[in-house]
Amino acid sequence: MSRHHHDVHTGQQNAEKENAAAESADSRKGKGSSPETEPLIFPGAEKTAGQDRGSLHQDDRKTAETDGGSRAAGPGGEAEAGSPGAKELGPEEKIACLEAELADANDQYLRKAADFENFRKRMNQEKQSAIDFANQGLLMDLIPVIDDFERAIKAAEAQREAAGQDTEQISAGFNSLCEGISMIEKRLVSQMENKWGLKRFDSAGETFDPNRHEAIMMEKSSEINDPVVAEDFIKGYTLKDRVVRAAKVKVIMPENAGQ
């Protein structure tokens, strides 16, 4: 209720109270008074009350229109589909929208497919490159060993030419060549063991283990109870505690092993 309406209503109540008081005073005067007393009405009160009722009806209509507009509008302030204010798309416009969405989805699909193909090719190239150069470090360590062999061979050839028919110089050159080759072998074995984890193991005197030994010769003996490796023909190797080559050995078997 508006403030103006409240003031008018208060004025009407005050006027009614004064009319009731006037009627009560006339009734106490006795005879000669009119049996019916007209109510006291302030000038303009009736007009004001009518205006107030009209304003109330107008406010109600505005409120109804506002509520109707709020219901017609969606959460974003736009008219909802199916409401009187919504604009429905025609068939051609709907088809055009769907075609645009399809074209956009197809474009995104082609882009993703191209990106995936490029990624696959790049991964294959990196994988192949890793395979091709996986042993680069090992090969770089073997190159100095080859250089040592070349120097040893050249030194032996030079001593042989200088010795001629002198057997003592030939023998000294041979001994020098053997010492050089032995040094190269020790250097290579040490480098493989310390840097790459490739270790050579001896098997002579150990109990025969089929996971580490490959028997290529056997003998029987009554002095043993379990198979024993008697001799290494080709030594075995382990790579980080895994046997990568079994040793080829001669095995002594107990006499009652086949019984």
C-alpha atoms as a PDB file:
ATOM      1  CA  MET A   1       0.000   0.000   0.000  1.00  0.00           C
ATOM      2  CA  SER A   2       1.375   3.443  -0.978  1.00  0.00           C
ATOM      3  CA  ARG A   3       1.921   6.282   1.462  1.00  0.00           C
ATOM      4  CA  HIS A   4      -0.771   8.383  -0.242  1.00  0.00           C
ATOM      5  CA  HIS A   5      -3.301   5.608   0.142  1.00  0.00           C
ATOM      6  CA  HIS A   6      -2.372   5.256   3.808  1.00  0.00           C
ATOM      7  CA  ASP A   7      -2.920   8.970   4.451  1.00  0.00           C
ATOM      8  CA  VAL A   8      -6.333   8.936   2.720  1.00  0.00           C
ATOM      9  CA  HIS A   9      -7.417   5.874   4.640  1.00  0.00           C
ATOM     10  CA  THR A  10      -6.404   7.545   7.914  1.00  0.00           C
ATOM     11  CA  GLY A  11      -8.412  10.652   6.935  1.00  0.00           C
ATOM     12  CA  GLN A  12     -11.447   8.536   6.212  1.00  0.00           C
ATOM     13  CA  GLN A  13     -11.217   6.865   9.629  1.00  0.00           C
ATOM     14  CA  ASN A  14     -10.939  10.241  11.379  1.00  0.00           C
ATOM     15  CA  ALA A  15     -13.992  11.568   9.446  1.00  0.00           C
ATOM     16  CA  GLU A  16     -16.049   8.546  10.426  1.00  0.00           C
ATOM     17  CA  LYS A  17     -15.112   9.032  14.090  1.00  0.00           C
ATOM     18  CA  GLU A  18     -16.175  12.711  13.949  1.00  0.00           C
ATOM     19  CA  ASN A  19     -19.484  11.776  12.248  1.00  0.00           C
ATOM     20  CA  ALA A  20     -20.163   9.210  14.945  1.00  0.00           C
ATOM     21  CA  ALA A  21     -19.423  11.781  17.646  1.00  0.00           C
ATOM     22  CA  ALA A  22     -21.740  14.332  15.986  1.00  0.00           C
ATOM     23  CA  GLU A  23     -24.593  11.800  15.788  1.00  0.00           C
ATOM     24  CA  SER A  24     -24.148  10.999  19.459  1.00  0.00           C
ATOM     25  CA  ALA A  25     -24.325  14.724  20.352  1.00  0.00           C
ATOM     26  CA  ASP A  26     -27.531  15.250  18.343  1.00  0.00           C
ATOM     27  CA  SER A  27     -29.225  12.310  19.978  1.00  0.00           C
ATOM     28  CA  ARG A  28     -28.549  13.843  23.420  1.00  0.00           C
ATOM     29  CA  LYS A  29     -30.219  17.191  22.453  1.00  0.00           C
ATOM     30  CA  GLY A  30     -33.733  15.663  22.705  1.00  0.00           C
ATOM     31  CA  LYS A  31     -36.733  16.681  20.692  1.00  0.00           C
ATOM     32  CA  GLY A  32     -36.540  18.905  17.647  1.00  0.00           C
ATOM     33  CA  SER A  33     -33.576  17.076  16.266  1.00  0.00           C
ATOM     34  CA  SER A  34     -33.868  15.340  12.920  1.00  0.00           C
ATOM     35  CA  PRO A  35     -34.370  11.586  13.147  1.00  0.00           C
ATOM     36  CA  GLU A  36     -31.777  11.051  10.464  1.00  0.00           C
ATOM     37  CA  THR A  37     -28.498  12.856  10.544  1.00  0.00           C
ATOM     38  CA  GLU A  38     -26.378  13.092   7.445  1.00  0.00           C
ATOM     39  CA  PRO A  39     -22.796  11.915   7.952  1.00  0.00           C
ATOM     40  CA  LEU A  40     -20.106  14.526   7.992  1.00  0.00           C
ATOM     41  CA  ILE A  41     -17.914  14.154   4.935  1.00  0.00           C
ATOM     42  CA  PHE A  42     -14.841  16.211   4.343  1.00  0.00           C
ATOM     43  CA  PRO A  43     -14.787  18.015   1.024  1.00  0.00           C
ATOM     44  CA  GLY A  44     -12.716  16.079  -1.491  1.00  0.00           C
ATOM     45  CA  ALA A  45     -12.519  12.923   0.641  1.00  0.00           C
ATOM     46  CA  GLU A  46     -14.776  10.953  -1.669  1.00  0.00           C
ATOM     47  CA  LYS A  47     -12.847  12.061  -4.694  1.00  0.00           C
ATOM     48  CA  THR A  48      -9.575  11.165  -3.040  1.00  0.00           C
ATOM     49  CA  ALA A  49     -10.807   7.711  -2.097  1.00  0.00           C
ATOM     50  CA  GLY A  50     -11.913   7.073  -5.672  1.00  0.00           C
ATOM     51  CA  GLN A  51      -8.538   8.149  -6.983  1.00  0.00           C
ATOM     52  CA  ASP A  52      -6.867   5.884  -4.463  1.00  0.00           C
ATOM     53  CA  ARG A  53      -8.917   2.883  -5.597  1.00  0.00           C
ATOM     54  CA  GLY A  54      -8.059   3.669  -9.195  1.00  0.00           C
ATOM     55  CA  SER A  55      -4.377   3.891  -8.389  1.00  0.00           C
ATOM     56  CA  LEU A  56      -4.574   0.550  -6.597  1.00  0.00           C
ATOM     57  CA  HIS A  57      -6.109  -1.103  -9.659  1.00  0.00           C
ATOM     58  CA  GLN A  58      -3.435   0.478 -11.852  1.00  0.00           C
ATOM     59  CA  ASP A  59      -0.669  -0.784  -9.554  1.00  0.00           C
ATOM     60  CA  ASP A  60      -2.146  -4.288  -9.664  1.00  0.00           C
ATOM     61  CA  ARG A  61      -2.170  -4.213 -13.463  1.00  0.00           C
ATOM     62  CA  LYS A  62       1.481  -3.093 -13.567  1.00  0.00           C
ATOM     63  CA  THR A  63       2.479  -5.835 -11.136  1.00  0.00           C
ATOM     64  CA  ALA A  64       0.712  -8.448 -13.232  1.00  0.00           C
ATOM     65  CA  GLU A  65       2.390  -7.200 -16.392  1.00  0.00           C
ATOM     66  CA  THR A  66       5.795  -7.281 -14.687  1.00  0.00           C
ATOM     67  CA  ASP A  67       5.248 -10.843 -13.439  1.00  0.00           C
ATOM     68  CA  GLY A  68       4.133 -11.919 -16.898  1.00  0.00           C
ATOM     69  CA  GLY A  69       7.215 -10.389 -18.491  1.00  0.00           C
ATOM     70  CA  SER A  70       9.492 -12.067 -15.948  1.00  0.00           C
ATOM     71  CA  ARG A  71       7.924 -15.441 -16.674  1.00  0.00           C
ATOM     72  CA  ALA A  72       8.260 -14.899 -20.392  1.00  0.00           C
ATOM     73  CA  ALA A  73      11.973 -14.054 -20.093  1.00  0.00           C
ATOM     74  CA  GLY A  74      14.538 -16.790 -19.520  1.00  0.00           C
ATOM     75  CA  PRO A  75      17.408 -16.810 -17.036  1.00  0.00           C
ATOM     76  CA  GLY A  76      19.520 -14.644 -19.350  1.00  0.00           C
ATOM     77  CA  GLY A  77      16.792 -12.083 -19.965  1.00  0.00           C
ATOM     78  CA  GLU A  78      15.920 -13.573 -23.371  1.00  0.00           C
ATOM     79  CA  ALA A  79      12.538 -14.887 -24.257  1.00  0.00           C
ATOM     80  CA  GLU A  80      12.134 -18.594 -23.742  1.00  0.00           C
ATOM     81  CA  ALA A  81      11.361 -20.874 -26.634  1.00  0.00           C
ATOM     82  CA  GLY A  82       7.613 -21.211 -27.071  1.00  0.00           C
ATOM     83  CA  SER A  83       6.859 -17.931 -25.265  1.00  0.00           C
ATOM     84  CA  PRO A  84       5.012 -15.158 -27.134  1.00  0.00           C
ATOM     85  CA  GLY A  85       8.217 -13.040 -27.312  1.00  0.00           C
ATOM     86  CA  ALA A  86      10.435 -15.852 -28.704  1.00  0.00           C
ATOM     87  CA  LYS A  87      11.344 -15.848 -32.382  1.00  0.00           C
ATOM     88  CA  GLU A  88      11.241 -19.320 -33.839  1.00  0.00           C
ATOM     89  CA  LEU A  89      13.686 -20.214 -36.590  1.00  0.00           C
ATOM     90  CA  GLY A  90      12.350 -21.383 -39.894  1.00  0.00           C
ATOM     91  CA  PRO A  91      13.352 -24.696 -41.489  1.00  0.00           C
ATOM     92  CA  GLU A  92      15.959 -23.091 -43.759  1.00  0.00           C
ATOM     93  CA  GLU A  93      17.516 -21.186 -40.868  1.00  0.00           C
ATOM     94  CA  LYS A  94      17.669 -24.347 -38.748  1.00  0.00           C
ATOM     95  CA  ILE A  95      19.321 -26.226 -41.613  1.00  0.00           C
ATOM     96  CA  ALA A  96      21.866 -23.419 -42.038  1.00  0.00           C
ATOM     97  CA  CYS A  97      22.707 -23.500 -38.298  1.00  0.00           C
ATOM     98  CA  LEU A  98      23.129 -27.275 -38.318  1.00  0.00           C
ATOM     99  CA  GLU A  99      25.327 -27.115 -41.419  1.00  0.00           C
ATOM    100  CA  ALA A 100      27.534 -24.483 -39.759  1.00  0.00           C
ATOM    101  CA  GLU A 101      27.880 -26.645 -36.627  1.00  0.00           C
ATOM    102  CA  LEU A 102      28.712 -29.695 -38.756  1.00  0.00           C
ATOM    103  CA  ALA A 103      31.358 -27.772 -40.707  1.00  0.00           C
ATOM    104  CA  ASP A 104      32.957 -26.552 -37.482  1.00  0.00           C
ATOM    105  CA  ALA A 105      32.998 -30.062 -35.980  1.00  0.00           C
ATOM    106  CA  ASN A 106      34.492 -31.497 -39.181  1.00  0.00           C
ATOM    107  CA  ASP A 107      37.199 -28.820 -39.196  1.00  0.00           C
ATOM    108  CA  GLN A 108      38.120 -29.606 -35.584  1.00  0.00           C
ATOM    109  CA  TYR A 109      38.239 -33.333 -36.376  1.00  0.00           C
ATOM    110  CA  LEU A 110      40.600 -32.782 -39.321  1.00  0.00           C
ATOM    111  CA  ARG A 111      42.877 -30.605 -37.211  1.00  0.00           C
ATOM    112  CA  LYS A 112      43.024 -33.200 -34.424  1.00  0.00           C
ATOM    113  CA  ALA A 113      43.721 -35.973 -36.933  1.00  0.00           C
ATOM    114  CA  ALA A 114      46.571 -33.977 -38.500  1.00  0.00           C
ATOM    115  CA  ASP A 115      48.065 -33.222 -35.082  1.00  0.00           C
ATOM    116  CA  PHE A 116      47.922 -36.891 -34.107  1.00  0.00           C
ATOM    117  CA  GLU A 117      49.564 -37.978 -37.369  1.00  0.00           C
ATOM    118  CA  ASN A 118      52.381 -35.481 -36.893  1.00  0.00           C
ATOM    119  CA  PHE A 119      52.835 -36.686 -33.300  1.00  0.00           C
ATOM    120  CA  ARG A 120      52.963 -40.329 -34.428  1.00  0.00           C
ATOM    121  CA  LYS A 121      55.599 -39.591 -37.085  1.00  0.00           C
ATOM    122  CA  ARG A 122      57.701 -37.606 -34.633  1.00  0.00           C
ATOM    123  CA  MET A 123      57.560 -40.390 -32.022  1.00  0.00           C
ATOM    124  CA  ASN A 124      58.577 -43.001 -34.628  1.00  0.00           C
ATOM    125  CA  GLN A 125      61.541 -40.862 -35.693  1.00  0.00           C
ATOM    126  CA  GLU A 126      62.667 -40.383 -32.104  1.00  0.00           C
ATOM    127  CA  LYS A 127      62.291 -44.097 -31.398  1.00  0.00           C
ATOM    128  CA  GLN A 128      64.322 -45.073 -34.447  1.00  0.00           C
ATOM    129  CA  SER A 129      66.974 -42.500 -33.577  1.00  0.00           C
ATOM    130  CA  ALA A 130      67.211 -43.908 -30.050  1.00  0.00           C
ATOM    131  CA  ILE A 131      67.645 -47.437 -31.466  1.00  0.00           C
ATOM    132  CA  ASP A 132      70.277 -46.354 -33.993  1.00  0.00           C
ATOM    133  CA  PHE A 133      72.403 -44.517 -31.443  1.00  0.00           C
ATOM    134  CA  ALA A 134      71.712 -46.669 -28.366  1.00  0.00           C
ATOM    135  CA  ASN A 135      75.199 -48.236 -28.511  1.00  0.00           C
ATOM    136  CA  GLN A 136      77.044 -45.038 -29.316  1.00  0.00           C
ATOM    137  CA  GLY A 137      78.641 -44.827 -25.870  1.00  0.00           C
ATOM    138  CA  LEU A 138      79.833 -48.437 -26.001  1.00  0.00           C
ATOM    139  CA  LEU A 139      81.280 -48.032 -29.480  1.00  0.00           C
ATOM    140  CA  MET A 140      83.090 -44.860 -28.475  1.00  0.00           C
ATOM    141  CA  ASP A 141      84.766 -46.867 -25.696  1.00  0.00           C
ATOM    142  CA  LEU A 142      85.804 -49.593 -28.164  1.00  0.00           C
ATOM    143  CA  ILE A 143      87.489 -47.188 -30.570  1.00  0.00           C
ATOM    144  CA  PRO A 144      90.533 -46.592 -28.304  1.00  0.00           C
ATOM    145  CA  VAL A 145      90.947 -50.360 -27.986  1.00  0.00           C
ATOM    146  CA  ILE A 146      91.097 -50.682 -31.762  1.00  0.00           C
ATOM    147  CA  ASP A 147      93.686 -47.919 -31.804  1.00  0.00           C
ATOM    148  CA  ASP A 148      95.783 -49.863 -29.283  1.00  0.00           C
ATOM    149  CA  PHE A 149      95.646 -52.983 -31.450  1.00  0.00           C
ATOM    150  CA  GLU A 150      96.774 -51.009 -34.476  1.00  0.00           C
ATOM    151  CA  ARG A 151      99.729 -49.556 -32.581  1.00  0.00           C
ATOM    152  CA  ALA A 152     100.724 -52.994 -31.261  1.00  0.00           C
ATOM    153  CA  ILE A 153     100.630 -54.529 -34.743  1.00  0.00           C
ATOM    154  CA  LYS A 154     102.689 -51.705 -36.257  1.00  0.00           C
ATOM    155  CA  ALA A 155     105.254 -51.982 -33.477  1.00  0.00           C
ATOM    156  CA  ALA A 156     105.568 -55.757 -34.023  1.00  0.00           C
ATOM    157  CA  GLU A 157     105.990 -55.325 -37.787  1.00  0.00           C
ATOM    158  CA  ALA A 158     108.691 -52.658 -37.266  1.00  0.00           C
ATOM    159  CA  GLN A 159     110.641 -54.934 -34.893  1.00  0.00           C
ATOM    160  CA  ARG A 160     110.395 -57.869 -37.302  1.00  0.00           C
ATOM    161  CA  GLU A 161     111.803 -55.788 -40.169  1.00  0.00           C
ATOM    162  CA  ALA A 162     114.602 -54.485 -37.966  1.00  0.00           C
ATOM    163  CA  ALA A 163     115.463 -57.947 -36.627  1.00  0.00           C
ATOM    164  CA  GLY A 164     115.836 -59.617 -40.016  1.00  0.00           C
ATOM    165  CA  GLN A 165     117.270 -63.071 -39.353  1.00  0.00           C
ATOM    166  CA  ASP A 166     118.267 -62.303 -35.771  1.00  0.00           C
ATOM    167  CA  THR A 167     116.312 -64.791 -33.702  1.00  0.00           C
ATOM    168  CA  GLU A 168     116.928 -62.960 -30.474  1.00  0.00           C
ATOM    169  CA  GLN A 169     115.403 -59.719 -31.799  1.00  0.00           C
ATOM    170  CA  ILE A 170     112.496 -61.687 -33.296  1.00  0.00           C
ATOM    171  CA  SER A 171     111.881 -63.321 -29.940  1.00  0.00           C
ATOM    172  CA  ALA A 172     112.052 -59.952 -28.161  1.00  0.00           C
ATOM    173  CA  GLY A 173     109.583 -58.445 -30.654  1.00  0.00           C
ATOM    174  CA  PHE A 174     107.205 -61.350 -30.153  1.00  0.00           C
ATOM    175  CA  ASN A 175     107.393 -60.971 -26.408  1.00  0.00           C
ATOM    176  CA  SER A 176     106.718 -57.240 -26.726  1.00  0.00           C
ATOM    177  CA  LEU A 177     103.694 -57.936 -28.912  1.00  0.00           C
ATOM    178  CA  CYS A 178     102.309 -60.397 -26.380  1.00  0.00           C
ATOM    179  CA  GLU A 179     102.740 -57.921 -23.565  1.00  0.00           C
ATOM    180  CA  GLY A 180     100.995 -55.204 -25.560  1.00  0.00           C
ATOM    181  CA  ILE A 181      98.024 -57.427 -26.428  1.00  0.00           C
ATOM    182  CA  SER A 182      97.754 -58.518 -22.784  1.00  0.00           C
ATOM    183  CA  MET A 183      97.632 -54.884 -21.668  1.00  0.00           C
ATOM    184  CA  ILE A 184      94.937 -54.104 -24.234  1.00  0.00           C
ATOM    185  CA  GLU A 185      92.854 -57.063 -23.071  1.00  0.00           C
ATOM    186  CA  LYS A 186      93.096 -56.034 -19.424  1.00  0.00           C
ATOM    187  CA  ARG A 187      92.154 -52.457 -20.251  1.00  0.00           C
ATOM    188  CA  LEU A 188      89.115 -53.549 -22.276  1.00  0.00           C
ATOM    189  CA  VAL A 189      87.866 -55.990 -19.638  1.00  0.00           C
ATOM    190  CA  SER A 190      88.256 -53.396 -16.878  1.00  0.00           C
ATOM    191  CA  GLN A 191      86.403 -50.757 -18.890  1.00  0.00           C
ATOM    192  CA  MET A 192      83.515 -53.101 -19.729  1.00  0.00           C
ATOM    193  CA  GLU A 193      83.197 -54.154 -16.094  1.00  0.00           C
ATOM    194  CA  ASN A 194      83.440 -50.752 -14.427  1.00  0.00           C
ATOM    195  CA  LYS A 195      81.484 -48.655 -16.917  1.00  0.00           C
ATOM    196  CA  TRP A 196      79.018 -51.035 -18.533  1.00  0.00           C
ATOM    197  CA  GLY A 197      78.539 -53.734 -15.875  1.00  0.00           C
ATOM    198  CA  LEU A 198      79.778 -56.546 -18.111  1.00  0.00           C
ATOM    199  CA  LYS A 199      81.680 -59.002 -15.896  1.00  0.00           C
ATOM    200  CA  ARG A 200      83.591 -62.144 -16.792  1.00  0.00           C
ATOM    201  CA  PHE A 201      83.353 -65.029 -14.339  1.00  0.00           C
ATOM    202  CA  ASP A 202      85.527 -68.064 -13.782  1.00  0.00           C
ATOM    203  CA  SER A 203      83.914 -71.461 -13.413  1.00  0.00           C
ATOM    204  CA  ALA A 204      86.736 -73.932 -12.744  1.00  0.00           C
ATOM    205  CA  GLY A 205      86.230 -75.758  -9.446  1.00  0.00           C
ATOM    206  CA  GLU A 206      82.605 -74.609  -9.015  1.00  0.00           C
ATOM    207  CA  THR A 207      79.570 -76.864  -8.777  1.00  0.00           C
ATOM    208  CA  PHE A 208      77.978 -77.258 -12.183  1.00  0.00           C
ATOM    209  CA  ASP A 209      75.054 -74.853 -12.645  1.00  0.00           C
ATOM    210  CA  PRO A 210      73.042 -75.265 -15.870  1.00  0.00           C
ATOM    211  CA  ASN A 211      72.001 -71.594 -15.629  1.00  0.00           C
ATOM    212  CA  ARG A 212      75.638 -70.463 -15.814  1.00  0.00           C
ATOM    213  CA  HIS A 213      77.457 -73.365 -17.484  1.00  0.00           C
ATOM    214  CA  GLU A 214      77.150 -75.252 -20.733  1.00  0.00           C
ATOM    215  CA  ALA A 215      78.802 -78.663 -20.606  1.00  0.00           C
ATOM    216  CA  ILE A 216      80.587 -79.554 -23.826  1.00  0.00           C
ATOM    217  CA  MET A 217      82.700 -82.366 -22.320  1.00  0.00           C
ATOM    218  CA  MET A 218      82.104 -84.767 -19.416  1.00  0.00           C
ATOM    219  CA  GLU A 219      84.157 -87.210 -17.376  1.00  0.00           C
ATOM    220  CA  LYS A 220      83.182 -89.526 -14.539  1.00  0.00           C
ATOM    221  CA  SER A 221      84.930 -89.813 -11.221  1.00  0.00           C
ATOM    222  CA  SER A 222      84.328 -91.774  -8.060  1.00  0.00           C
ATOM    223  CA  GLU A 223      85.884 -89.091  -5.900  1.00  0.00           C
ATOM    224  CA  ILE A 224      82.998 -86.621  -6.137  1.00  0.00           C
ATOM    225  CA  ASN A 225      79.328 -86.715  -5.250  1.00  0.00           C
ATOM    226  CA  ASP A 226      78.091 -83.715  -7.287  1.00  0.00           C
ATOM    227  CA  PRO A 227      78.949 -82.509 -10.790  1.00  0.00           C
ATOM    228  CA  VAL A 228      81.929 -80.137 -10.749  1.00  0.00           C
ATOM    229  CA  VAL A 229      83.356 -77.885 -13.451  1.00  0.00           C
ATOM    230  CA  ALA A 230      86.861 -79.094 -14.236  1.00  0.00           C
ATOM    231  CA  GLU A 231      87.924 -76.595 -16.895  1.00  0.00           C
ATOM    232  CA  ASP A 232      86.790 -73.425 -18.669  1.00  0.00           C
ATOM    233  CA  PHE A 233      86.934 -73.585 -22.451  1.00  0.00           C
ATOM    234  CA  ILE A 234      85.141 -70.280 -23.031  1.00  0.00           C
ATOM    235  CA  LYS A 235      84.457 -67.970 -20.139  1.00  0.00           C
ATOM    236  CA  GLY A 236      80.977 -66.739 -19.322  1.00  0.00           C
ATOM    237  CA  TYR A 237      79.748 -63.160 -18.844  1.00  0.00           C
ATOM    238  CA  THR A 238      77.096 -61.444 -16.779  1.00  0.00           C
ATOM    239  CA  LEU A 239      75.523 -58.064 -17.469  1.00  0.00           C
ATOM    240  CA  LYS A 240      74.373 -56.430 -14.221  1.00  0.00           C
ATOM    241  CA  ASP A 241      74.078 -59.857 -12.507  1.00  0.00           C
ATOM    242  CA  ARG A 242      72.228 -61.418 -15.455  1.00  0.00           C
ATOM    243  CA  VAL A 243      73.961 -64.207 -17.368  1.00  0.00           C
ATOM    244  CA  VAL A 244      74.260 -63.059 -20.963  1.00  0.00           C
ATOM    245  CA  ARG A 245      76.570 -65.876 -22.049  1.00  0.00           C
ATOM    246  CA  ALA A 246      77.004 -69.205 -20.325  1.00  0.00           C
ATOM    247  CA  ALA A 247      80.506 -70.544 -19.904  1.00  0.00           C
ATOM    248  CA  LYS A 248      81.476 -73.547 -22.035  1.00  0.00           C
ATOM    249  CA  VAL A 249      83.068 -75.998 -19.642  1.00  0.00           C
ATOM    250  CA  LYS A 250      84.289 -79.513 -18.994  1.00  0.00           C
ATOM    251  CA  VAL A 251      82.315 -81.244 -16.231  1.00  0.00           C
ATOM    252  CA  ILE A 252      83.291 -84.122 -13.965  1.00  0.00           C
ATOM    253  CA  MET A 253      80.283 -86.271 -13.098  1.00  0.00           C
ATOM    254  CA  PRO A 254      79.989 -88.813 -10.238  1.00  0.00           C
ATOM    255  CA  GLU A 255      80.043 -92.464 -11.372  1.00  0.00           C
ATOM    256  CA  ASN A 256      76.589 -93.244  -9.963  1.00  0.00           C
ATOM    257  CA  ALA A 257      74.994 -90.183 -11.627  1.00  0.00           C
ATOM    258  CA  GLY A 258      73.297 -92.268 -14.348  1.00  0.00           C
ATOM    259  CA  GLN A 259      72.007 -94.963 -12.015  1.00  0.00           C
END
